[in-house]
C-alpha atoms as a PDB file:
ATOM      1  CA  MET A   1     -89.104 -33.804   6.379  1.00  0.00           C
ATOM      2  CA  LYS A   2     -86.602 -32.126   8.714  1.00  0.00           C
ATOM      3  CA  ASN A   3     -89.420 -30.684  10.855  1.00  0.00           C
ATOM      4  CA  THR A   4     -91.090 -34.082  11.152  1.00  0.00           C
ATOM      5  CA  LYS A   5     -87.792 -35.690  12.097  1.00  0.00           C
ATOM      6  CA  HIS A   6     -87.180 -33.034  14.754  1.00  0.00           C
ATOM      7  CA  LEU A   7     -90.680 -33.481  16.205  1.00  0.00           C
ATOM      8  CA  ILE A   8     -90.128 -37.235  16.428  1.00  0.00           C
ATOM      9  CA  ILE A   9     -86.723 -36.752  18.074  1.00  0.00           C
ATOM     10  CA  THR A  10     -88.283 -34.299  20.543  1.00  0.00           C
ATOM     11  CA  ALA A  11     -91.004 -36.816  21.428  1.00  0.00           C
ATOM     12  CA  LEU A  12     -88.372 -39.541  21.850  1.00  0.00           C
ATOM     13  CA  CYS A  13     -86.289 -37.266  24.081  1.00  0.00           C
ATOM     14  CA  MET A  14     -89.331 -36.503  26.214  1.00  0.00           C
ATOM     15  CA  ALA A  15     -90.102 -40.221  26.526  1.00  0.00           C
ATOM     16  CA  LEU A  16     -86.469 -40.906  27.399  1.00  0.00           C
ATOM     17  CA  GLY A  17     -86.706 -38.118  29.978  1.00  0.00           C
ATOM     18  CA  VAL A  18     -89.438 -40.109  31.716  1.00  0.00           C
ATOM     19  CA  VAL A  19     -87.941 -43.608  31.373  1.00  0.00           C
ATOM     20  CA  LEU A  20     -84.258 -42.876  32.060  1.00  0.00           C
ATOM     21  CA  PRO A  21     -84.836 -41.349  35.517  1.00  0.00           C
ATOM     22  CA  MET A  22     -86.983 -44.350  36.455  1.00  0.00           C
ATOM     23  CA  ALA A  23     -83.987 -46.607  35.846  1.00  0.00           C
ATOM     24  CA  PHE A  24     -81.683 -44.392  37.909  1.00  0.00           C
ATOM     25  CA  HIS A  25     -84.118 -43.934  40.803  1.00  0.00           C
ATOM     26  CA  VAL A  26     -83.786 -47.623  41.663  1.00  0.00           C
ATOM     27  CA  ILE A  27     -80.604 -46.441  43.432  1.00  0.00           C
ATOM     28  CA  PRO A  28     -81.207 -43.930  46.267  1.00  0.00           C
ATOM     29  CA  ASN A  29     -80.258 -40.336  45.339  1.00  0.00           C
ATOM     30  CA  ALA A  30     -79.108 -41.429  41.866  1.00  0.00           C
ATOM     31  CA  GLY A  31     -81.373 -38.825  40.269  1.00  0.00           C
ATOM     32  CA  SER A  32     -79.641 -35.871  41.921  1.00  0.00           C
ATOM     33  CA  VAL A  33     -76.217 -37.423  41.355  1.00  0.00           C
ATOM     34  CA  MET A  34     -76.509 -38.704  37.767  1.00  0.00           C
ATOM     35  CA  LEU A  35     -79.036 -36.134  36.420  1.00  0.00           C
ATOM     36  CA  PRO A  36     -80.709 -38.549  33.999  1.00  0.00           C
ATOM     37  CA  MET A  37     -83.479 -36.151  32.918  1.00  0.00           C
ATOM     38  CA  HIS A  38     -80.923 -33.557  31.812  1.00  0.00           C
ATOM     39  CA  ILE A  39     -79.411 -35.809  29.132  1.00  0.00           C
ATOM     40  CA  PRO A  40     -82.415 -36.059  26.775  1.00  0.00           C
ATOM     41  CA  VAL A  41     -83.307 -32.380  27.179  1.00  0.00           C
ATOM     42  CA  LEU A  42     -79.780 -31.244  26.329  1.00  0.00           C
ATOM     43  CA  LEU A  43     -79.721 -33.720  23.444  1.00  0.00           C
ATOM     44  CA  CYS A  44     -82.995 -32.349  22.102  1.00  0.00           C
ATOM     45  CA  GLY A  45     -81.706 -28.769  22.189  1.00  0.00           C
ATOM     46  CA  LEU A  46     -78.461 -29.724  20.462  1.00  0.00           C
ATOM     47  CA  ILE A  47     -80.199 -31.667  17.702  1.00  0.00           C
ATOM     48  CA  CYS A  48     -83.594 -30.008  17.264  1.00  0.00           C
ATOM     49  CA  GLY A  49     -82.806 -26.392  18.073  1.00  0.00           C
ATOM     50  CA  PRO A  50     -83.839 -23.870  20.707  1.00  0.00           C
ATOM     51  CA  ILE A  51     -87.637 -23.935  20.363  1.00  0.00           C
ATOM     52  CA  LEU A  52     -88.035 -27.710  20.512  1.00  0.00           C
ATOM     53  CA  GLY A  53     -85.296 -27.844  23.175  1.00  0.00           C
ATOM     54  CA  LEU A  54     -87.302 -25.347  25.243  1.00  0.00           C
ATOM     55  CA  ILE A  55     -90.516 -27.327  24.745  1.00  0.00           C
ATOM     56  CA  CYS A  56     -88.757 -30.554  25.703  1.00  0.00           C
ATOM     57  CA  GLY A  57     -87.276 -28.858  28.778  1.00  0.00           C
ATOM     58  CA  ILE A  58     -90.668 -27.626  29.947  1.00  0.00           C
ATOM     59  CA  PHE A  59     -92.774 -30.687  29.260  1.00  0.00           C
ATOM     60  CA  THR A  60     -90.371 -33.505  30.159  1.00  0.00           C
ATOM     61  CA  PRO A  61     -90.364 -32.863  33.927  1.00  0.00           C
ATOM     62  CA  VAL A  62     -94.114 -32.187  33.894  1.00  0.00           C
ATOM     63  CA  LEU A  63     -94.809 -35.420  32.029  1.00  0.00           C
ATOM     64  CA  SER A  64     -92.430 -37.352  34.269  1.00  0.00           C
ATOM     65  CA  SER A  65     -94.061 -35.924  37.379  1.00  0.00           C
ATOM     66  CA  LEU A  66     -97.532 -36.866  36.137  1.00  0.00           C
ATOM     67  CA  VAL A  67     -96.509 -40.390  35.100  1.00  0.00           C
ATOM     68  CA  THR A  68     -93.999 -41.343  37.809  1.00  0.00           C
ATOM     69  CA  GLY A  69     -94.351 -38.755  40.578  1.00  0.00           C
ATOM     70  CA  MET A  70     -90.748 -37.642  39.926  1.00  0.00           C
ATOM     71  CA  PRO A  71     -89.832 -34.874  40.308  1.00  0.00           C
ATOM     72  CA  GLY A  72     -92.093 -34.231  43.253  1.00  0.00           C
ATOM     73  CA  PRO A  73     -94.189 -31.062  43.488  1.00  0.00           C
ATOM     74  CA  ALA A  74     -91.596 -29.259  45.607  1.00  0.00           C
ATOM     75  CA  TYR A  75     -88.878 -29.692  42.959  1.00  0.00           C
ATOM     76  CA  LEU A  76     -90.959 -29.502  39.795  1.00  0.00           C
ATOM     77  CA  PRO A  77     -91.095 -25.695  39.281  1.00  0.00           C
ATOM     78  CA  SER A  78     -87.343 -25.150  39.599  1.00  0.00           C
ATOM     79  CA  MET A  79     -86.628 -28.201  37.424  1.00  0.00           C
ATOM     80  CA  ILE A  80     -88.954 -26.883  34.725  1.00  0.00           C
ATOM     81  CA  CYS A  81     -87.021 -23.610  34.691  1.00  0.00           C
ATOM     82  CA  GLU A  82     -83.631 -25.341  34.718  1.00  0.00           C
ATOM     83  CA  LEU A  83     -84.451 -27.858  31.989  1.00  0.00           C
ATOM     84  CA  ALA A  84     -86.162 -25.234  29.823  1.00  0.00           C
ATOM     85  CA  VAL A  85     -82.965 -23.187  29.900  1.00  0.00           C
ATOM     86  CA  TYR A  86     -80.877 -26.292  29.098  1.00  0.00           C
ATOM     87  CA  GLY A  87     -82.913 -27.054  25.988  1.00  0.00           C
ATOM     88  CA  LEU A  88     -83.143 -23.424  24.878  1.00  0.00           C
ATOM     89  CA  LEU A  89     -79.477 -22.547  25.420  1.00  0.00           C
ATOM     90  CA  ALA A  90     -78.170 -25.782  23.916  1.00  0.00           C
ATOM     91  CA  GLY A  91     -80.174 -25.035  20.773  1.00  0.00           C
ATOM     92  CA  ILE A  92     -79.158 -21.376  20.603  1.00  0.00           C
ATOM     93  CA  MET A  93     -75.496 -22.011  21.273  1.00  0.00           C
ATOM     94  CA  ILE A  94     -75.092 -24.872  18.795  1.00  0.00           C
ATOM     95  CA  LYS A  95     -76.448 -22.524  16.097  1.00  0.00           C
ATOM     96  CA  LEU A  96     -74.169 -19.648  17.154  1.00  0.00           C
ATOM     97  CA  MET A  97     -70.944 -21.651  17.376  1.00  0.00           C
ATOM     98  CA  LYS A  98     -69.102 -21.319  14.083  1.00  0.00           C
ATOM     99  CA  THR A  99     -65.576 -22.617  14.616  1.00  0.00           C
ATOM    100  CA  GLU A 100     -63.996 -25.023  12.126  1.00  0.00           C
ATOM    101  CA  LYS A 101     -64.057 -27.746  14.779  1.00  0.00           C
ATOM    102  CA  PRO A 102     -67.503 -29.363  15.239  1.00  0.00           C
ATOM    103  CA  MET A 103     -66.538 -30.956  18.572  1.00  0.00           C
ATOM    104  CA  ILE A 104     -65.456 -27.583  19.971  1.00  0.00           C
ATOM    105  CA  ASN A 105     -68.801 -26.135  18.848  1.00  0.00           C
ATOM    106  CA  LEU A 106     -70.626 -29.005  20.507  1.00  0.00           C
ATOM    107  CA  TYR A 107     -68.733 -28.830  23.800  1.00  0.00           C
ATOM    108  CA  ALA A 108     -69.005 -25.023  23.955  1.00  0.00           C
ATOM    109  CA  ALA A 109     -72.773 -25.201  23.388  1.00  0.00           C
ATOM    110  CA  LEU A 110     -73.151 -28.020  25.913  1.00  0.00           C
ATOM    111  CA  VAL A 111     -71.096 -26.385  28.670  1.00  0.00           C
ATOM    112  CA  THR A 112     -72.805 -23.011  28.167  1.00  0.00           C
ATOM    113  CA  ALA A 113     -76.234 -24.645  28.434  1.00  0.00           C
ATOM    114  CA  MET A 114     -75.194 -26.643  31.503  1.00  0.00           C
ATOM    115  CA  ILE A 115     -73.891 -23.557  33.306  1.00  0.00           C
ATOM    116  CA  GLY A 116     -76.837 -21.386  32.252  1.00  0.00           C
ATOM    117  CA  GLY A 117     -79.358 -23.957  33.462  1.00  0.00           C
ATOM    118  CA  ARG A 118     -77.632 -24.302  36.808  1.00  0.00           C
ATOM    119  CA  ILE A 119     -77.550 -20.520  37.266  1.00  0.00           C
ATOM    120  CA  VAL A 120     -81.281 -20.263  36.531  1.00  0.00           C
ATOM    121  CA  TYR A 121     -81.974 -23.198  38.874  1.00  0.00           C
ATOM    122  CA  GLY A 122     -80.103 -21.406  41.677  1.00  0.00           C
ATOM    123  CA  LEU A 123     -81.741 -18.048  41.017  1.00  0.00           C
ATOM    124  CA  MET A 124     -85.235 -19.520  40.874  1.00  0.00           C
ATOM    125  CA  ASN A 125     -84.695 -21.343  44.164  1.00  0.00           C
ATOM    126  CA  ALA A 126     -83.106 -18.346  45.867  1.00  0.00           C
ATOM    127  CA  LEU A 127     -85.617 -15.760  44.687  1.00  0.00           C
ATOM    128  CA  ILE A 128     -88.902 -17.635  44.255  1.00  0.00           C
ATOM    129  CA  PHE A 129     -89.296 -21.313  45.059  1.00  0.00           C
ATOM    130  CA  ARG A 130     -87.225 -21.514  48.253  1.00  0.00           C
ATOM    131  CA  ALA A 131     -86.684 -17.828  49.044  1.00  0.00           C
ATOM    132  CA  GLY A 132     -84.953 -17.331  52.358  1.00  0.00           C
ATOM    133  CA  ALA A 133     -84.158 -21.026  52.723  1.00  0.00           C
ATOM    134  CA  TYR A 134     -81.674 -21.387  49.855  1.00  0.00           C
ATOM    135  CA  SER A 135     -78.032 -20.371  50.031  1.00  0.00           C
ATOM    136  CA  ILE A 136     -75.152 -20.161  47.595  1.00  0.00           C
ATOM    137  CA  GLN A 137     -73.569 -23.080  49.458  1.00  0.00           C
ATOM    138  CA  MET A 138     -76.686 -25.197  48.880  1.00  0.00           C
ATOM    139  CA  TRP A 139     -76.632 -24.238  45.194  1.00  0.00           C
ATOM    140  CA  MET A 140     -72.912 -25.022  44.776  1.00  0.00           C
ATOM    141  CA  THR A 141     -73.301 -28.359  46.547  1.00  0.00           C
ATOM    142  CA  ALA A 142     -76.377 -29.445  44.573  1.00  0.00           C
ATOM    143  CA  SER A 143     -75.290 -28.053  41.215  1.00  0.00           C
ATOM    144  CA  PHE A 144     -71.626 -28.956  41.137  1.00  0.00           C
ATOM    145  CA  VAL A 145     -70.511 -31.231  43.985  1.00  0.00           C
ATOM    146  CA  THR A 146     -73.345 -33.750  44.257  1.00  0.00           C
ATOM    147  CA  ALA A 147     -73.985 -33.560  40.508  1.00  0.00           C
ATOM    148  CA  LEU A 148     -70.349 -34.041  39.423  1.00  0.00           C
ATOM    149  CA  PRO A 149     -70.883 -37.642  38.223  1.00  0.00           C
ATOM    150  CA  GLY A 150     -73.893 -36.511  36.173  1.00  0.00           C
ATOM    151  CA  ILE A 151     -71.941 -33.580  34.729  1.00  0.00           C
ATOM    152  CA  LEU A 152     -69.150 -35.914  33.675  1.00  0.00           C
ATOM    153  CA  LEU A 153     -71.679 -38.357  32.217  1.00  0.00           C
ATOM    154  CA  GLN A 154     -73.242 -35.545  30.163  1.00  0.00           C
ATOM    155  CA  LEU A 155     -69.849 -34.385  28.904  1.00  0.00           C
ATOM    156  CA  LEU A 156     -68.902 -37.936  27.885  1.00  0.00           C
ATOM    157  CA  ILE A 157     -72.169 -39.233  26.460  1.00  0.00           C
ATOM    158  CA  LEU A 158     -73.836 -36.289  24.746  1.00  0.00           C
ATOM    159  CA  PRO A 159     -71.081 -35.383  22.245  1.00  0.00           C
ATOM    160  CA  ALA A 160     -70.708 -39.064  21.323  1.00  0.00           C
ATOM    161  CA  VAL A 161     -74.467 -39.483  20.821  1.00  0.00           C
ATOM    162  CA  VAL A 162     -74.772 -36.275  18.765  1.00  0.00           C
ATOM    163  CA  TYR A 163     -71.790 -37.312  16.636  1.00  0.00           C
ATOM    164  CA  ALA A 164     -73.235 -40.821  16.097  1.00  0.00           C
ATOM    165  CA  LEU A 165     -76.641 -39.399  15.151  1.00  0.00           C
ATOM    166  CA  GLN A 166     -75.046 -36.954  12.720  1.00  0.00           C
ATOM    167  CA  LYS A 167     -72.916 -39.678  11.156  1.00  0.00           C
ATOM    168  CA  ALA A 168     -76.048 -41.840  10.728  1.00  0.00           C
ATOM    169  CA  LYS A 169     -77.782 -38.785   9.167  1.00  0.00           C
ATOM    170  CA  LEU A 170     -80.445 -38.829  11.876  1.00  0.00           C
ATOM    171  CA  ALA A 171     -79.524 -35.391  13.153  1.00  0.00           C
END
């Protein structure tokens, strides 16, 4: 039963990863500012574990790109890497965190995944996808300055959603 529930949650997160960005992209640059695709992938990793989080992180941007054209082909490979790491690390870290405080475990797992994904995103752009045309300043600006509202949104919404789902015995 737990496996079925996790598969359904993963599918819902992937669907949300397609629909949520569509709502945000009505506003110019809202995708890179609010990071709407990150939310369901991180949620999937936190609830369903590292393997399903990884799968969600890989397939959500691919599915979104096929259905909506977002992310575009130039951004898709680095987003796949970034989101895969988000889902994987969120799932690994939530299992490793063993403090007596569930919210501390949740925030530690979330922040670790968020930082790890951003590091991978920067490395992939610097070394492979935009080699020679990507700087640490571009990475810092995109990952932390421009994305600050999205980071704050993730830190506010995700723990509340995970807590609500756990309280409702859905996670």
